[in-house]
Each structure stands twice: as structure tokens, then as C-alpha cells.
Amino acid sequence: MWIYEKKLQHPVRIEKCDLRMAKYLYTQYGGPDGELSAAIRYLNQRYTIPTKEAKALLTDIGTEELAHVEMIATMIYQLTEGASVEELEAAGLGSNYAIRERALFPADANGVPWTAAYIQAHADPVADLHEDMAAEQKARTVYENLLDLTDDPGMKDALRFLREREVVHFQRFGEALRIVQEYKESKKIF
């Protein structure tokens, strides 16, 4: 069960409309290594994790990833606010406008819709946790690339926060991997 606090995990204060950056951010909204994929991956994997501690960690991080989805959606909304149809079209967001007007939709930066094929869950906790660690590293890399593509201080602040959370998640999944490996080792019959 969750209790929703009606505020973003970290403030998002975009200073100007930037449709190019909004398009790039879509990769973290609905792309294969984005926040939605991470949230669903971790919240699904928790059911086959053998220890309560590792299961709680997957639940915590999966829930936090949902908060990151909310931040990315807010960033895209703020970056596109007030843009004309012509400006959206010129920035490569015309097809999104044609289908959805100004509604956000989970897709990557190229407009490819999110798909469940992006997530992995194998019921092998060691394989899943290695997948999770790799996912966090890929997301960190994307945030670093996005930081290179903007000069907006508010955007940089939010992107740095999200990048640092990816680093923390990577470390926490490393802890969970150790816990699971120790658990599996303790269950071996000699």
C-alpha cells in the first residue's frame, strides 16, 4: 500500500520552453531504459525474490521510480507549455500532437510507444538483480547525456538529482545481490 504525498520527490523548475529537450526527455518517460520500465520491472520482480529484505528493497525502488516518472512528466509538460502547434511540429513533436494533442504518452524520444517487452523478470533473483544493476547504469548514462544537451539550470538540477538516484539504486541492488547470494548459499545442502 502506498501513501501519496502531493509533491514531487525533487522540485522541477524549468525556466524556459525547450521543445528539443522535451523530445529528448521522452526516452526517460517511456523508453526501454526509462523510469516507467524500471518501476514496472522492479515491482514485478519483487514477487520472486527469496528474502524479505531484498523484496522490500525492490518495492522501495520500484515505488521511487514511479515518482521519477512523475518528475519526467512534469519536466516534459513544463518544457512544452505554451508552445504553438507549429513549434511542436518543427521540434519533431507534430506526430504526438496529431494523435494526442498535448497529452503525455509513454514513448521514447523517437515516438515509439512503451511496451512490456522492455522489462525483464526471470524468477532467477541473481539474473534479475544483475539486470536491475545494468538498467540503473544505462539510466545514469542517459541522464549524463541529457545533462550535456541543456543549459537550463532548473533542468540540470532535476537531471542531476535523477542521475544520483540511479547511482544509489545501483548500489542498493548490489546490496540486494549480496543478500540473495548469501541466502542461496545458506540453502545449499552439503
N, C-alpha and C. Protein backbone atom coordinates (compact mmCIF):
# COMPACT_ATOMS: atom_id res chain seq x y z
N MET A 1 0.84 -1.17 0.00
CA MET A 1 0.00 0.00 0.00
C MET A 1 0.89 1.24 0.00
N TRP A 2 0.46 2.23 -0.71
CA TRP A 2 1.23 3.46 -0.79
C TRP A 2 0.42 4.62 -0.23
N ILE A 3 1.14 5.57 0.28
CA ILE A 3 0.55 6.83 0.67
C ILE A 3 1.18 7.87 -0.25
N TYR A 4 0.35 8.57 -0.98
CA TYR A 4 0.85 9.54 -1.94
C TYR A 4 0.93 10.92 -1.31
N GLU A 5 2.11 11.47 -1.32
CA GLU A 5 2.32 12.83 -0.84
C GLU A 5 2.25 13.73 -2.06
N LYS A 6 1.39 14.71 -2.05
CA LYS A 6 1.11 15.52 -3.24
C LYS A 6 2.20 16.56 -3.50
N LYS A 7 3.40 16.07 -3.73
CA LYS A 7 4.51 16.92 -4.15
C LYS A 7 5.51 16.03 -4.87
N LEU A 8 6.31 16.65 -5.72
CA LEU A 8 7.34 15.89 -6.42
C LEU A 8 8.45 15.49 -5.46
N GLN A 9 9.12 14.41 -5.77
CA GLN A 9 10.22 13.96 -4.94
C GLN A 9 11.33 15.02 -4.88
N HIS A 10 11.52 15.74 -5.96
CA HIS A 10 12.51 16.81 -6.05
C HIS A 10 11.87 17.91 -6.90
N PRO A 11 12.05 19.17 -6.55
CA PRO A 11 11.40 20.24 -7.31
C PRO A 11 11.86 20.27 -8.77
N VAL A 12 10.93 20.59 -9.65
CA VAL A 12 11.22 20.78 -11.07
C VAL A 12 10.90 22.23 -11.40
N ARG A 13 11.92 22.97 -11.77
CA ARG A 13 11.75 24.40 -12.07
C ARG A 13 12.43 24.70 -13.41
N ILE A 14 11.68 24.48 -14.47
CA ILE A 14 12.18 24.74 -15.82
C ILE A 14 11.99 26.23 -16.10
N GLU A 15 13.03 26.87 -16.61
CA GLU A 15 12.97 28.32 -16.80
C GLU A 15 12.45 28.75 -18.17
N LYS A 16 12.48 27.86 -19.16
CA LYS A 16 12.04 28.26 -20.49
C LYS A 16 11.52 27.07 -21.28
N CYS A 17 10.68 27.36 -22.24
CA CYS A 17 10.18 26.34 -23.16
C CYS A 17 11.37 25.83 -23.98
N ASP A 18 11.49 24.53 -24.10
CA ASP A 18 12.57 23.92 -24.88
C ASP A 18 12.03 22.61 -25.45
N LEU A 19 11.45 22.71 -26.63
CA LEU A 19 10.80 21.53 -27.24
C LEU A 19 11.80 20.45 -27.63
N ARG A 20 12.98 20.85 -28.02
CA ARG A 20 14.01 19.88 -28.37
C ARG A 20 14.33 19.02 -27.15
N MET A 21 14.49 19.67 -26.00
CA MET A 21 14.82 18.93 -24.77
C MET A 21 13.63 18.07 -24.34
N ALA A 22 12.42 18.58 -24.51
CA ALA A 22 11.23 17.79 -24.17
C ALA A 22 11.22 16.49 -24.96
N LYS A 23 11.53 16.59 -26.24
CA LYS A 23 11.56 15.38 -27.08
C LYS A 23 12.61 14.39 -26.57
N TYR A 24 13.79 14.89 -26.21
CA TYR A 24 14.84 14.02 -25.70
C TYR A 24 14.43 13.34 -24.39
N LEU A 25 13.73 14.08 -23.54
CA LEU A 25 13.32 13.55 -22.24
C LEU A 25 12.34 12.39 -22.34
N TYR A 26 11.63 12.32 -23.45
CA TYR A 26 10.68 11.23 -23.61
C TYR A 26 11.35 9.87 -23.44
N THR A 27 12.64 9.77 -23.75
CA THR A 27 13.32 8.48 -23.59
C THR A 27 13.29 8.00 -22.15
N GLN A 28 13.33 8.94 -21.19
CA GLN A 28 13.27 8.55 -19.78
C GLN A 28 11.83 8.40 -19.30
N TYR A 29 10.89 8.82 -20.09
CA TYR A 29 9.47 8.67 -19.75
C TYR A 29 8.98 7.28 -20.18
N GLY A 30 9.16 6.94 -21.44
CA GLY A 30 8.63 5.68 -21.93
C GLY A 30 9.58 4.86 -22.75
N GLY A 31 10.87 5.13 -22.65
CA GLY A 31 11.85 4.36 -23.40
C GLY A 31 12.25 3.08 -22.68
N PRO A 32 13.03 2.24 -23.33
CA PRO A 32 13.40 0.94 -22.76
C PRO A 32 14.18 1.04 -21.46
N ASP A 33 14.95 2.09 -21.29
CA ASP A 33 15.75 2.26 -20.07
C ASP A 33 15.20 3.38 -19.20
N GLY A 34 13.96 3.76 -19.44
CA GLY A 34 13.34 4.87 -18.73
C GLY A 34 12.74 4.47 -17.39
N GLU A 35 12.16 5.45 -16.77
CA GLU A 35 11.63 5.31 -15.41
C GLU A 35 10.41 4.39 -15.34
N LEU A 36 9.53 4.44 -16.32
CA LEU A 36 8.36 3.56 -16.31
C LEU A 36 8.79 2.10 -16.40
N SER A 37 9.72 1.83 -17.29
CA SER A 37 10.22 0.45 -17.42
C SER A 37 10.84 -0.02 -16.11
N ALA A 38 11.62 0.84 -15.48
CA ALA A 38 12.26 0.46 -14.22
C ALA A 38 11.23 0.18 -13.14
N ALA A 39 10.24 1.06 -13.01
CA ALA A 39 9.21 0.88 -11.97
C ALA A 39 8.50 -0.45 -12.13
N ILE A 40 8.06 -0.74 -13.34
CA ILE A 40 7.30 -1.98 -13.56
C ILE A 40 8.20 -3.20 -13.40
N ARG A 41 9.44 -3.11 -13.88
CA ARG A 41 10.40 -4.22 -13.74
C ARG A 41 10.57 -4.59 -12.27
N TYR A 42 10.88 -3.61 -11.44
CA TYR A 42 11.19 -3.89 -10.04
C TYR A 42 9.95 -4.32 -9.26
N LEU A 43 8.82 -3.71 -9.55
CA LEU A 43 7.59 -4.08 -8.82
C LEU A 43 7.09 -5.47 -9.22
N ASN A 44 7.47 -5.94 -10.39
CA ASN A 44 7.14 -7.32 -10.79
C ASN A 44 8.15 -8.32 -10.22
N GLN A 45 9.42 -7.97 -10.26
CA GLN A 45 10.46 -8.90 -9.80
C GLN A 45 10.36 -9.20 -8.31
N ARG A 46 9.82 -8.31 -7.55
CA ARG A 46 9.80 -8.48 -6.09
C ARG A 46 9.06 -9.75 -5.66
N TYR A 47 8.18 -10.24 -6.47
CA TYR A 47 7.40 -11.42 -6.07
C TYR A 47 8.22 -12.70 -6.04
N THR A 48 9.30 -12.75 -6.80
CA THR A 48 10.11 -13.98 -6.82
C THR A 48 11.46 -13.81 -6.14
N ILE A 49 11.63 -12.73 -5.43
CA ILE A 49 12.87 -12.52 -4.65
C ILE A 49 12.72 -13.29 -3.34
N PRO A 50 13.73 -14.08 -2.95
CA PRO A 50 13.56 -15.00 -1.82
C PRO A 50 13.67 -14.40 -0.42
N THR A 51 14.19 -13.19 -0.26
CA THR A 51 14.33 -12.65 1.09
C THR A 51 13.45 -11.42 1.27
N LYS A 52 12.99 -11.25 2.49
CA LYS A 52 12.14 -10.09 2.79
C LYS A 52 12.88 -8.78 2.58
N GLU A 53 14.14 -8.76 2.95
CA GLU A 53 14.93 -7.53 2.82
C GLU A 53 15.08 -7.13 1.35
N ALA A 54 15.42 -8.08 0.49
CA ALA A 54 15.57 -7.78 -0.94
C ALA A 54 14.22 -7.44 -1.57
N LYS A 55 13.17 -8.13 -1.15
CA LYS A 55 11.81 -7.83 -1.65
C LYS A 55 11.41 -6.40 -1.28
N ALA A 56 11.70 -5.99 -0.06
CA ALA A 56 11.39 -4.62 0.39
C ALA A 56 12.18 -3.60 -0.43
N LEU A 57 13.43 -3.93 -0.71
CA LEU A 57 14.26 -3.02 -1.49
C LEU A 57 13.68 -2.84 -2.90
N LEU A 58 13.27 -3.91 -3.54
CA LEU A 58 12.65 -3.81 -4.87
C LEU A 58 11.37 -2.99 -4.82
N THR A 59 10.59 -3.18 -3.77
CA THR A 59 9.35 -2.41 -3.61
C THR A 59 9.67 -0.93 -3.44
N ASP A 60 10.63 -0.63 -2.58
CA ASP A 60 11.01 0.77 -2.35
C ASP A 60 11.52 1.44 -3.61
N ILE A 61 12.42 0.79 -4.31
CA ILE A 61 12.99 1.41 -5.51
C ILE A 61 11.95 1.47 -6.62
N GLY A 62 11.14 0.43 -6.79
CA GLY A 62 10.08 0.48 -7.80
C GLY A 62 9.12 1.63 -7.56
N THR A 63 8.79 1.85 -6.30
CA THR A 63 7.90 2.96 -5.95
C THR A 63 8.59 4.29 -6.23
N GLU A 64 9.85 4.39 -5.89
CA GLU A 64 10.58 5.63 -6.17
C GLU A 64 10.64 5.90 -7.68
N GLU A 65 10.79 4.85 -8.46
CA GLU A 65 10.82 5.03 -9.92
C GLU A 65 9.50 5.63 -10.42
N LEU A 66 8.39 5.28 -9.79
CA LEU A 66 7.12 5.91 -10.16
C LEU A 66 7.16 7.42 -9.87
N ALA A 67 7.82 7.79 -8.79
CA ALA A 67 8.00 9.22 -8.50
C ALA A 67 8.86 9.88 -9.57
N HIS A 68 9.81 9.14 -10.12
CA HIS A 68 10.65 9.68 -11.19
C HIS A 68 9.84 9.83 -12.48
N VAL A 69 8.92 8.91 -12.74
CA VAL A 69 8.02 9.06 -13.89
C VAL A 69 7.27 10.39 -13.76
N GLU A 70 6.80 10.66 -12.56
CA GLU A 70 6.06 11.90 -12.32
C GLU A 70 6.95 13.13 -12.55
N MET A 71 8.19 13.06 -12.14
CA MET A 71 9.11 14.18 -12.36
C MET A 71 9.37 14.38 -13.85
N ILE A 72 9.62 13.31 -14.58
CA ILE A 72 9.88 13.42 -16.02
C ILE A 72 8.65 13.98 -16.73
N ALA A 73 7.47 13.51 -16.38
CA ALA A 73 6.24 14.03 -16.99
C ALA A 73 6.10 15.52 -16.71
N THR A 74 6.40 15.94 -15.50
CA THR A 74 6.34 17.36 -15.15
C THR A 74 7.34 18.17 -15.97
N MET A 75 8.54 17.61 -16.13
CA MET A 75 9.56 18.31 -16.91
C MET A 75 9.12 18.47 -18.36
N ILE A 76 8.60 17.40 -18.96
CA ILE A 76 8.14 17.48 -20.35
C ILE A 76 7.01 18.50 -20.47
N TYR A 77 6.08 18.45 -19.54
CA TYR A 77 4.97 19.39 -19.57
C TYR A 77 5.47 20.84 -19.48
N GLN A 78 6.37 21.11 -18.54
CA GLN A 78 6.89 22.46 -18.40
C GLN A 78 7.70 22.90 -19.62
N LEU A 79 8.43 21.98 -20.22
CA LEU A 79 9.22 22.32 -21.41
C LEU A 79 8.37 22.62 -22.63
N THR A 80 7.15 22.08 -22.68
CA THR A 80 6.29 22.27 -23.85
C THR A 80 5.18 23.30 -23.61
N GLU A 81 5.05 23.74 -22.38
CA GLU A 81 3.96 24.65 -22.03
C GLU A 81 4.04 25.94 -22.87
N GLY A 82 2.92 26.26 -23.48
CA GLY A 82 2.81 27.49 -24.26
C GLY A 82 3.33 27.40 -25.68
N ALA A 83 3.83 26.26 -26.09
CA ALA A 83 4.35 26.11 -27.45
C ALA A 83 3.19 26.06 -28.45
N SER A 84 3.41 26.65 -29.59
CA SER A 84 2.40 26.61 -30.65
C SER A 84 2.46 25.26 -31.37
N VAL A 85 1.42 24.97 -32.13
CA VAL A 85 1.39 23.74 -32.92
C VAL A 85 2.55 23.74 -33.91
N GLU A 86 2.83 24.89 -34.50
CA GLU A 86 3.92 25.00 -35.46
C GLU A 86 5.26 24.72 -34.79
N GLU A 87 5.45 25.21 -33.59
CA GLU A 87 6.70 24.96 -32.86
C GLU A 87 6.84 23.48 -32.50
N LEU A 88 5.74 22.87 -32.07
CA LEU A 88 5.78 21.44 -31.77
C LEU A 88 6.15 20.63 -33.01
N GLU A 89 5.55 20.99 -34.12
CA GLU A 89 5.84 20.28 -35.37
C GLU A 89 7.30 20.47 -35.78
N ALA A 90 7.80 21.68 -35.68
CA ALA A 90 9.19 21.96 -36.05
C ALA A 90 10.18 21.20 -35.16
N ALA A 91 9.80 20.92 -33.91
CA ALA A 91 10.67 20.21 -32.98
C ALA A 91 10.56 18.69 -33.11
N GLY A 92 9.75 18.22 -34.03
CA GLY A 92 9.59 16.78 -34.20
C GLY A 92 8.54 16.17 -33.31
N LEU A 93 7.70 17.02 -32.71
CA LEU A 93 6.62 16.53 -31.83
C LEU A 93 5.25 16.64 -32.50
N GLY A 94 5.25 16.87 -33.81
CA GLY A 94 3.99 17.01 -34.55
C GLY A 94 3.16 15.74 -34.56
N SER A 95 3.80 14.59 -34.70
CA SER A 95 3.04 13.33 -34.72
C SER A 95 2.38 13.07 -33.37
N ASN A 96 3.07 13.40 -32.28
CA ASN A 96 2.47 13.26 -30.96
C ASN A 96 1.26 14.18 -30.84
N TYR A 97 1.41 15.41 -31.33
CA TYR A 97 0.30 16.37 -31.28
C TYR A 97 -0.88 15.87 -32.12
N ALA A 98 -0.59 15.33 -33.30
CA ALA A 98 -1.65 14.85 -34.19
C ALA A 98 -2.49 13.75 -33.53
N ILE A 99 -1.85 12.90 -32.78
CA ILE A 99 -2.55 11.77 -32.16
C ILE A 99 -3.14 12.15 -30.81
N ARG A 100 -2.38 12.90 -30.01
CA ARG A 100 -2.74 13.10 -28.60
C ARG A 100 -2.89 14.56 -28.18
N GLU A 101 -2.74 15.47 -29.11
CA GLU A 101 -2.69 16.90 -28.83
C GLU A 101 -1.56 17.15 -27.85
N ARG A 102 -1.84 17.60 -26.63
CA ARG A 102 -0.75 17.91 -25.68
C ARG A 102 -0.66 16.88 -24.55
N ALA A 103 -1.37 15.78 -24.69
CA ALA A 103 -1.32 14.74 -23.66
C ALA A 103 0.03 14.04 -23.70
N LEU A 104 0.54 13.73 -22.53
CA LEU A 104 1.76 12.94 -22.44
C LEU A 104 1.41 11.48 -22.66
N PHE A 105 2.31 10.77 -23.31
CA PHE A 105 2.10 9.36 -23.60
C PHE A 105 3.44 8.66 -23.48
N PRO A 106 3.48 7.52 -22.77
CA PRO A 106 4.77 6.84 -22.60
C PRO A 106 5.32 6.31 -23.93
N ALA A 107 6.33 6.98 -24.40
CA ALA A 107 7.02 6.62 -25.64
C ALA A 107 8.46 7.08 -25.49
N ASP A 108 9.31 6.63 -26.40
CA ASP A 108 10.69 7.09 -26.35
C ASP A 108 10.85 8.39 -27.15
N ALA A 109 12.06 8.87 -27.28
CA ALA A 109 12.32 10.14 -27.96
C ALA A 109 11.98 10.09 -29.44
N ASN A 110 11.88 8.90 -30.01
CA ASN A 110 11.51 8.75 -31.42
C ASN A 110 10.02 8.52 -31.60
N GLY A 111 9.27 8.52 -30.50
CA GLY A 111 7.83 8.32 -30.59
C GLY A 111 7.40 6.86 -30.54
N VAL A 112 8.33 5.95 -30.31
CA VAL A 112 7.99 4.52 -30.23
C VAL A 112 7.31 4.29 -28.88
N PRO A 113 6.07 3.78 -28.90
CA PRO A 113 5.33 3.60 -27.63
C PRO A 113 6.01 2.61 -26.69
N TRP A 114 5.81 2.86 -25.40
CA TRP A 114 6.31 1.95 -24.39
C TRP A 114 5.70 0.57 -24.60
N THR A 115 6.47 -0.47 -24.31
CA THR A 115 5.99 -1.84 -24.42
C THR A 115 6.50 -2.67 -23.25
N ALA A 116 5.71 -3.63 -22.85
CA ALA A 116 6.12 -4.52 -21.77
C ALA A 116 7.35 -5.34 -22.15
N ALA A 117 7.68 -5.40 -23.42
CA ALA A 117 8.89 -6.11 -23.84
C ALA A 117 10.15 -5.46 -23.28
N TYR A 118 10.05 -4.23 -22.79
CA TYR A 118 11.20 -3.54 -22.22
C TYR A 118 11.59 -4.08 -20.85
N ILE A 119 10.71 -4.78 -20.18
CA ILE A 119 11.01 -5.20 -18.81
C ILE A 119 11.45 -6.65 -18.79
N GLN A 120 12.24 -6.98 -17.79
CA GLN A 120 12.73 -8.34 -17.60
C GLN A 120 12.34 -8.83 -16.22
N ALA A 121 11.90 -10.05 -16.15
CA ALA A 121 11.63 -10.73 -14.89
C ALA A 121 11.74 -12.22 -15.18
N HIS A 122 12.71 -12.88 -14.54
CA HIS A 122 13.01 -14.28 -14.86
C HIS A 122 12.81 -15.26 -13.72
N ALA A 123 12.45 -14.78 -12.56
CA ALA A 123 12.31 -15.63 -11.37
C ALA A 123 13.64 -16.20 -10.91
N ASP A 124 14.72 -15.74 -11.48
CA ASP A 124 16.06 -16.05 -11.00
C ASP A 124 16.56 -14.76 -10.37
N PRO A 125 16.58 -14.70 -9.05
CA PRO A 125 16.90 -13.42 -8.40
C PRO A 125 18.29 -12.88 -8.74
N VAL A 126 19.24 -13.75 -8.97
CA VAL A 126 20.59 -13.28 -9.32
C VAL A 126 20.57 -12.65 -10.71
N ALA A 127 19.92 -13.31 -11.66
CA ALA A 127 19.81 -12.75 -13.01
C ALA A 127 19.03 -11.43 -12.98
N ASP A 128 17.91 -11.41 -12.25
CA ASP A 128 17.10 -10.20 -12.18
C ASP A 128 17.87 -9.04 -11.56
N LEU A 129 18.60 -9.28 -10.50
CA LEU A 129 19.33 -8.20 -9.85
C LEU A 129 20.49 -7.69 -10.71
N HIS A 130 21.11 -8.59 -11.46
CA HIS A 130 22.14 -8.14 -12.42
C HIS A 130 21.49 -7.26 -13.50
N GLU A 131 20.33 -7.68 -13.97
CA GLU A 131 19.56 -6.87 -14.94
C GLU A 131 19.24 -5.50 -14.35
N ASP A 132 18.84 -5.47 -13.09
CA ASP A 132 18.48 -4.22 -12.44
C ASP A 132 19.68 -3.29 -12.31
N MET A 133 20.82 -3.85 -11.97
CA MET A 133 22.03 -3.04 -11.86
C MET A 133 22.41 -2.47 -13.22
N ALA A 134 22.29 -3.28 -14.26
CA ALA A 134 22.59 -2.79 -15.62
C ALA A 134 21.59 -1.70 -16.03
N ALA A 135 20.33 -1.88 -15.68
CA ALA A 135 19.31 -0.88 -16.01
C ALA A 135 19.63 0.46 -15.35
N GLU A 136 20.07 0.42 -14.11
CA GLU A 136 20.39 1.66 -13.40
C GLU A 136 21.61 2.35 -14.04
N GLN A 137 22.58 1.57 -14.47
CA GLN A 137 23.75 2.15 -15.12
C GLN A 137 23.37 2.78 -16.47
N LYS A 138 22.49 2.11 -17.22
CA LYS A 138 22.04 2.67 -18.50
C LYS A 138 21.28 3.97 -18.27
N ALA A 139 20.42 4.00 -17.27
CA ALA A 139 19.66 5.22 -16.97
C ALA A 139 20.60 6.34 -16.53
N ARG A 140 21.61 6.01 -15.73
CA ARG A 140 22.59 7.02 -15.31
C ARG A 140 23.27 7.62 -16.53
N THR A 141 23.67 6.78 -17.47
CA THR A 141 24.32 7.25 -18.69
C THR A 141 23.41 8.18 -19.48
N VAL A 142 22.14 7.81 -19.60
CA VAL A 142 21.20 8.66 -20.33
C VAL A 142 21.07 10.02 -19.65
N TYR A 143 20.98 10.03 -18.31
CA TYR A 143 20.90 11.32 -17.60
C TYR A 143 22.16 12.16 -17.84
N GLU A 144 23.31 11.52 -17.87
CA GLU A 144 24.54 12.27 -18.15
C GLU A 144 24.50 12.87 -19.56
N ASN A 145 23.99 12.09 -20.52
CA ASN A 145 23.86 12.60 -21.89
C ASN A 145 22.85 13.74 -21.95
N LEU A 146 21.74 13.61 -21.24
CA LEU A 146 20.74 14.68 -21.23
C LEU A 146 21.31 15.96 -20.61
N LEU A 147 22.13 15.81 -19.58
CA LEU A 147 22.78 16.98 -18.98
C LEU A 147 23.63 17.74 -20.00
N ASP A 148 24.26 17.00 -20.91
CA ASP A 148 25.08 17.64 -21.96
C ASP A 148 24.22 18.41 -22.97
N LEU A 149 22.93 18.11 -23.03
CA LEU A 149 22.06 18.69 -24.05
C LEU A 149 21.27 19.91 -23.58
N THR A 150 21.49 20.36 -22.35
CA THR A 150 20.74 21.51 -21.85
C THR A 150 21.65 22.49 -21.13
N ASP A 151 21.21 23.74 -21.13
CA ASP A 151 21.92 24.75 -20.33
C ASP A 151 20.97 25.37 -19.30
N ASP A 152 19.76 24.87 -19.21
CA ASP A 152 18.77 25.39 -18.27
C ASP A 152 19.13 24.93 -16.85
N PRO A 153 19.37 25.86 -15.92
CA PRO A 153 19.77 25.49 -14.56
C PRO A 153 18.73 24.61 -13.84
N GLY A 154 17.45 24.90 -14.02
CA GLY A 154 16.42 24.09 -13.38
C GLY A 154 16.39 22.67 -13.92
N MET A 155 16.58 22.56 -15.22
CA MET A 155 16.64 21.24 -15.86
C MET A 155 17.86 20.48 -15.37
N LYS A 156 18.98 21.14 -15.33
CA LYS A 156 20.21 20.48 -14.86
C LYS A 156 20.06 20.00 -13.41
N ASP A 157 19.44 20.82 -12.58
CA ASP A 157 19.23 20.43 -11.18
C ASP A 157 18.40 19.14 -11.09
N ALA A 158 17.29 19.09 -11.80
CA ALA A 158 16.42 17.91 -11.75
C ALA A 158 17.13 16.69 -12.35
N LEU A 159 17.83 16.88 -13.46
CA LEU A 159 18.54 15.76 -14.09
C LEU A 159 19.66 15.24 -13.20
N ARG A 160 20.36 16.12 -12.51
CA ARG A 160 21.42 15.68 -11.59
C ARG A 160 20.83 14.86 -10.44
N PHE A 161 19.70 15.34 -9.92
CA PHE A 161 19.04 14.59 -8.85
C PHE A 161 18.69 13.18 -9.34
N LEU A 162 18.08 13.08 -10.51
CA LEU A 162 17.69 11.77 -11.03
C LEU A 162 18.91 10.90 -11.31
N ARG A 163 19.97 11.49 -11.84
CA ARG A 163 21.20 10.72 -12.09
C ARG A 163 21.76 10.16 -10.78
N GLU A 164 21.77 10.96 -9.75
CA GLU A 164 22.31 10.50 -8.47
C GLU A 164 21.46 9.39 -7.86
N ARG A 165 20.16 9.44 -8.06
CA ARG A 165 19.29 8.37 -7.57
C ARG A 165 19.59 7.07 -8.30
N GLU A 166 19.97 7.13 -9.57
CA GLU A 166 20.35 5.92 -10.31
C GLU A 166 21.60 5.30 -9.69
N VAL A 167 22.54 6.14 -9.27
CA VAL A 167 23.76 5.64 -8.62
C VAL A 167 23.40 4.95 -7.31
N VAL A 168 22.54 5.58 -6.52
CA VAL A 168 22.12 4.98 -5.25
C VAL A 168 21.39 3.66 -5.50
N HIS A 169 20.51 3.63 -6.48
CA HIS A 169 19.79 2.39 -6.78
C HIS A 169 20.75 1.28 -7.20
N PHE A 170 21.74 1.61 -8.01
CA PHE A 170 22.74 0.63 -8.41
C PHE A 170 23.41 0.03 -7.17
N GLN A 171 23.80 0.89 -6.24
CA GLN A 171 24.46 0.43 -5.02
C GLN A 171 23.53 -0.45 -4.19
N ARG A 172 22.28 -0.04 -4.07
CA ARG A 172 21.31 -0.81 -3.29
C ARG A 172 21.04 -2.17 -3.93
N PHE A 173 20.98 -2.22 -5.27
CA PHE A 173 20.80 -3.52 -5.92
C PHE A 173 22.03 -4.41 -5.70
N GLY A 174 23.20 -3.81 -5.61
CA GLY A 174 24.41 -4.57 -5.27
C GLY A 174 24.28 -5.19 -3.89
N GLU A 175 23.73 -4.41 -2.94
CA GLU A 175 23.49 -4.95 -1.59
C GLU A 175 22.48 -6.10 -1.65
N ALA A 176 21.42 -5.92 -2.41
CA ALA A 176 20.40 -6.97 -2.52
C ALA A 176 21.00 -8.23 -3.14
N LEU A 177 21.86 -8.07 -4.13
CA LEU A 177 22.50 -9.21 -4.76
C LEU A 177 23.33 -9.99 -3.73
N ARG A 178 24.08 -9.28 -2.90
CA ARG A 178 24.87 -9.93 -1.85
C ARG A 178 23.94 -10.69 -0.89
N ILE A 179 22.84 -10.07 -0.47
CA ILE A 179 21.89 -10.70 0.45
C ILE A 179 21.32 -11.97 -0.17
N VAL A 180 20.92 -11.90 -1.42
CA VAL A 180 20.33 -13.06 -2.10
C VAL A 180 21.37 -14.16 -2.29
N GLN A 181 22.57 -13.80 -2.67
CA GLN A 181 23.61 -14.81 -2.84
C GLN A 181 23.94 -15.51 -1.52
N GLU A 182 24.00 -14.73 -0.44
CA GLU A 182 24.24 -15.34 0.88
C GLU A 182 23.08 -16.25 1.27
N TYR A 183 21.87 -15.85 0.98
CA TYR A 183 20.70 -16.67 1.27
C TYR A 183 20.76 -17.98 0.48
N LYS A 184 21.04 -17.87 -0.81
CA LYS A 184 21.11 -19.07 -1.66
C LYS A 184 22.22 -20.00 -1.19
N GLU A 185 23.36 -19.44 -0.79
CA GLU A 185 24.48 -20.24 -0.29
C GLU A 185 24.10 -20.97 0.99
N SER A 186 23.33 -20.31 1.85
CA SER A 186 22.92 -20.92 3.13
C SER A 186 21.93 -22.06 2.92
N LYS A 187 21.27 -22.10 1.78
CA LYS A 187 20.27 -23.13 1.50
C LYS A 187 20.84 -24.36 0.81
N LYS A 188 22.12 -24.29 0.43
CA LYS A 188 22.75 -25.44 -0.24
C LYS A 188 22.89 -26.58 0.75
N ILE A 189 22.64 -27.76 0.27
CA ILE A 189 22.78 -28.97 1.09
C ILE A 189 24.16 -29.56 0.80
N PHE A 190 24.89 -29.81 1.87
CA PHE A 190 26.25 -30.35 1.71
C PHE A 190 26.29 -31.81 1.99
